[in-house]
Amino acid sequence: MTKVVIGSMLLGSLLLADTWTCYRYVDGSPTGGFLKVQASTKQEAEQKSLEKYKKLGYKVDYTKCK
């Protein structure tokens, strides 16, 4: 029963998330290319994309998401 409730909660939170397109910036300039992430807010999307760029080994100072 607990697994069903937790699964339903996770599915519900995914359905509420939006798809954000995020661009990376280095030294104040956009570098080209983008990532798409699922997040509920712009702040969450920028944090997720920053972590994803770093994990992929890209140099990044910050990201901006639309």
N, C-alpha and C. Protein backbone atom coordinates (compact mmCIF):
# COMPACT_ATOMS: atom_id res chain seq x y z
N MET A 1 0.83 -1.20 0.00
CA MET A 1 0.00 0.00 0.00
C MET A 1 0.86 1.25 0.00
N THR A 2 1.91 1.25 0.81
CA THR A 2 2.79 2.42 0.90
C THR A 2 3.45 2.70 -0.45
N LYS A 3 3.88 1.64 -1.15
CA LYS A 3 4.52 1.81 -2.45
C LYS A 3 3.56 2.44 -3.46
N VAL A 4 2.30 2.09 -3.39
CA VAL A 4 1.31 2.64 -4.31
C VAL A 4 1.13 4.13 -4.04
N VAL A 5 1.06 4.52 -2.79
CA VAL A 5 0.88 5.92 -2.42
C VAL A 5 2.09 6.74 -2.85
N ILE A 6 3.29 6.24 -2.58
CA ILE A 6 4.51 6.96 -2.96
C ILE A 6 4.61 7.07 -4.48
N GLY A 7 4.29 5.98 -5.18
CA GLY A 7 4.31 6.01 -6.64
C GLY A 7 3.33 7.01 -7.20
N SER A 8 2.16 7.10 -6.61
CA SER A 8 1.16 8.07 -7.05
C SER A 8 1.62 9.50 -6.81
N MET A 9 2.29 9.73 -5.68
CA MET A 9 2.80 11.06 -5.37
C MET A 9 3.89 11.46 -6.36
N LEU A 10 4.79 10.55 -6.70
CA LEU A 10 5.85 10.84 -7.66
C LEU A 10 5.28 11.11 -9.04
N LEU A 11 4.34 10.32 -9.46
CA LEU A 11 3.71 10.52 -10.76
C LEU A 11 2.99 11.87 -10.80
N GLY A 12 2.32 12.21 -9.72
CA GLY A 12 1.63 13.49 -9.64
C GLY A 12 2.59 14.67 -9.75
N SER A 13 3.75 14.58 -9.10
CA SER A 13 4.70 15.67 -9.16
C SER A 13 5.32 15.79 -10.55
N LEU A 14 5.49 14.68 -11.25
CA LEU A 14 6.01 14.74 -12.62
C LEU A 14 5.00 15.38 -13.56
N LEU A 15 3.74 15.13 -13.33
CA LEU A 15 2.71 15.70 -14.18
C LEU A 15 2.61 17.21 -13.99
N LEU A 16 2.97 17.72 -12.83
CA LEU A 16 2.92 19.15 -12.55
C LEU A 16 4.15 19.89 -13.07
N ALA A 17 5.22 19.16 -13.37
CA ALA A 17 6.46 19.78 -13.83
C ALA A 17 6.32 20.24 -15.28
N ASP A 18 7.00 21.33 -15.61
CA ASP A 18 7.03 21.86 -16.97
C ASP A 18 8.36 21.50 -17.61
N THR A 19 8.41 21.56 -18.92
CA THR A 19 9.68 21.38 -19.63
C THR A 19 10.29 22.75 -19.86
N TRP A 20 11.53 22.91 -19.44
CA TRP A 20 12.26 24.16 -19.56
C TRP A 20 13.43 23.98 -20.53
N THR A 21 13.69 24.96 -21.36
CA THR A 21 14.85 24.96 -22.24
C THR A 21 15.88 25.88 -21.59
N CYS A 22 17.08 25.32 -21.34
CA CYS A 22 18.10 26.06 -20.57
C CYS A 22 19.38 26.21 -21.37
N TYR A 23 19.94 27.41 -21.34
CA TYR A 23 21.15 27.76 -22.06
C TYR A 23 22.27 28.02 -21.07
N ARG A 24 23.50 27.63 -21.42
CA ARG A 24 24.63 27.84 -20.51
C ARG A 24 25.39 29.11 -20.90
N TYR A 25 25.95 29.74 -19.88
CA TYR A 25 26.72 30.97 -20.05
C TYR A 25 28.09 30.80 -19.42
N VAL A 26 29.12 31.31 -20.12
CA VAL A 26 30.49 31.32 -19.62
C VAL A 26 31.02 32.73 -19.82
N ASP A 27 31.57 33.32 -18.77
CA ASP A 27 32.09 34.70 -18.81
C ASP A 27 31.04 35.69 -19.30
N GLY A 28 29.78 35.46 -18.94
CA GLY A 28 28.70 36.38 -19.28
C GLY A 28 28.14 36.25 -20.67
N SER A 29 28.64 35.30 -21.46
CA SER A 29 28.18 35.14 -22.84
C SER A 29 27.57 33.75 -23.03
N PRO A 30 26.50 33.67 -23.85
CA PRO A 30 25.93 32.35 -24.15
C PRO A 30 26.92 31.56 -25.00
N THR A 31 26.93 30.25 -24.82
CA THR A 31 27.91 29.41 -25.51
C THR A 31 27.29 28.61 -26.64
N GLY A 32 26.02 28.70 -26.84
CA GLY A 32 25.36 27.92 -27.88
C GLY A 32 24.89 26.58 -27.32
N GLY A 33 23.90 26.03 -27.94
CA GLY A 33 23.34 24.77 -27.47
C GLY A 33 22.40 24.98 -26.28
N PHE A 34 21.68 23.93 -25.93
CA PHE A 34 20.74 24.01 -24.83
C PHE A 34 20.44 22.63 -24.29
N LEU A 35 19.84 22.60 -23.11
CA LEU A 35 19.34 21.38 -22.49
C LEU A 35 17.87 21.57 -22.20
N LYS A 36 17.14 20.48 -22.14
CA LYS A 36 15.75 20.53 -21.69
C LYS A 36 15.67 19.76 -20.38
N VAL A 37 15.01 20.36 -19.40
CA VAL A 37 14.85 19.73 -18.09
C VAL A 37 13.39 19.83 -17.66
N GLN A 38 12.99 18.93 -16.78
CA GLN A 38 11.66 18.95 -16.19
C GLN A 38 11.76 19.58 -14.80
N ALA A 39 10.98 20.63 -14.56
CA ALA A 39 11.00 21.29 -13.26
C ALA A 39 9.70 22.07 -13.06
N SER A 40 9.39 22.33 -11.80
CA SER A 40 8.17 23.06 -11.48
C SER A 40 8.36 24.58 -11.54
N THR A 41 9.60 25.03 -11.28
CA THR A 41 9.88 26.47 -11.27
C THR A 41 11.11 26.78 -12.10
N LYS A 42 11.27 28.04 -12.46
CA LYS A 42 12.43 28.48 -13.22
C LYS A 42 13.71 28.26 -12.41
N GLN A 43 13.67 28.57 -11.14
CA GLN A 43 14.83 28.40 -10.27
C GLN A 43 15.26 26.93 -10.21
N GLU A 44 14.30 26.03 -10.08
CA GLU A 44 14.60 24.60 -10.05
C GLU A 44 15.20 24.15 -11.38
N ALA A 45 14.66 24.65 -12.49
CA ALA A 45 15.17 24.30 -13.82
C ALA A 45 16.60 24.76 -14.00
N GLU A 46 16.91 25.97 -13.54
CA GLU A 46 18.27 26.49 -13.68
C GLU A 46 19.24 25.69 -12.83
N GLN A 47 18.83 25.27 -11.65
CA GLN A 47 19.69 24.45 -10.79
C GLN A 47 19.93 23.08 -11.41
N LYS A 48 18.88 22.46 -11.91
CA LYS A 48 19.00 21.14 -12.54
C LYS A 48 19.90 21.21 -13.78
N SER A 49 19.71 22.23 -14.61
CA SER A 49 20.51 22.34 -15.83
C SER A 49 21.97 22.62 -15.51
N LEU A 50 22.23 23.42 -14.48
CA LEU A 50 23.60 23.69 -14.06
C LEU A 50 24.29 22.40 -13.64
N GLU A 51 23.61 21.61 -12.83
CA GLU A 51 24.16 20.32 -12.38
C GLU A 51 24.38 19.38 -13.57
N LYS A 52 23.45 19.38 -14.52
CA LYS A 52 23.55 18.48 -15.67
C LYS A 52 24.73 18.88 -16.56
N TYR A 53 24.90 20.18 -16.82
CA TYR A 53 26.04 20.64 -17.61
C TYR A 53 27.36 20.25 -16.95
N LYS A 54 27.45 20.46 -15.64
CA LYS A 54 28.68 20.11 -14.92
C LYS A 54 28.94 18.61 -14.98
N LYS A 55 27.88 17.81 -14.84
CA LYS A 55 28.02 16.35 -14.90
C LYS A 55 28.52 15.92 -16.28
N LEU A 56 28.08 16.61 -17.32
CA LEU A 56 28.50 16.29 -18.69
C LEU A 56 29.91 16.79 -18.99
N GLY A 57 30.49 17.58 -18.07
CA GLY A 57 31.86 18.05 -18.24
C GLY A 57 32.00 19.37 -18.97
N TYR A 58 30.91 20.10 -19.15
CA TYR A 58 30.97 21.40 -19.81
C TYR A 58 31.37 22.49 -18.83
N LYS A 59 32.11 23.49 -19.31
CA LYS A 59 32.40 24.66 -18.50
C LYS A 59 31.13 25.51 -18.48
N VAL A 60 30.72 25.94 -17.30
CA VAL A 60 29.49 26.73 -17.18
C VAL A 60 29.57 27.59 -15.92
N ASP A 61 29.23 28.87 -16.06
CA ASP A 61 29.17 29.77 -14.91
C ASP A 61 27.74 29.82 -14.36
N TYR A 62 26.77 29.90 -15.26
CA TYR A 62 25.36 29.90 -14.86
C TYR A 62 24.51 29.52 -16.06
N THR A 63 23.23 29.28 -15.81
CA THR A 63 22.30 28.96 -16.89
C THR A 63 21.09 29.88 -16.81
N LYS A 64 20.44 30.04 -17.94
CA LYS A 64 19.17 30.76 -18.01
C LYS A 64 18.16 29.86 -18.70
N CYS A 65 16.97 29.78 -18.12
CA CYS A 65 15.95 28.89 -18.67
C CYS A 65 14.71 29.66 -19.09
N LYS A 66 14.08 29.15 -20.14
CA LYS A 66 12.82 29.73 -20.65
C LYS A 66 11.77 28.65 -20.63
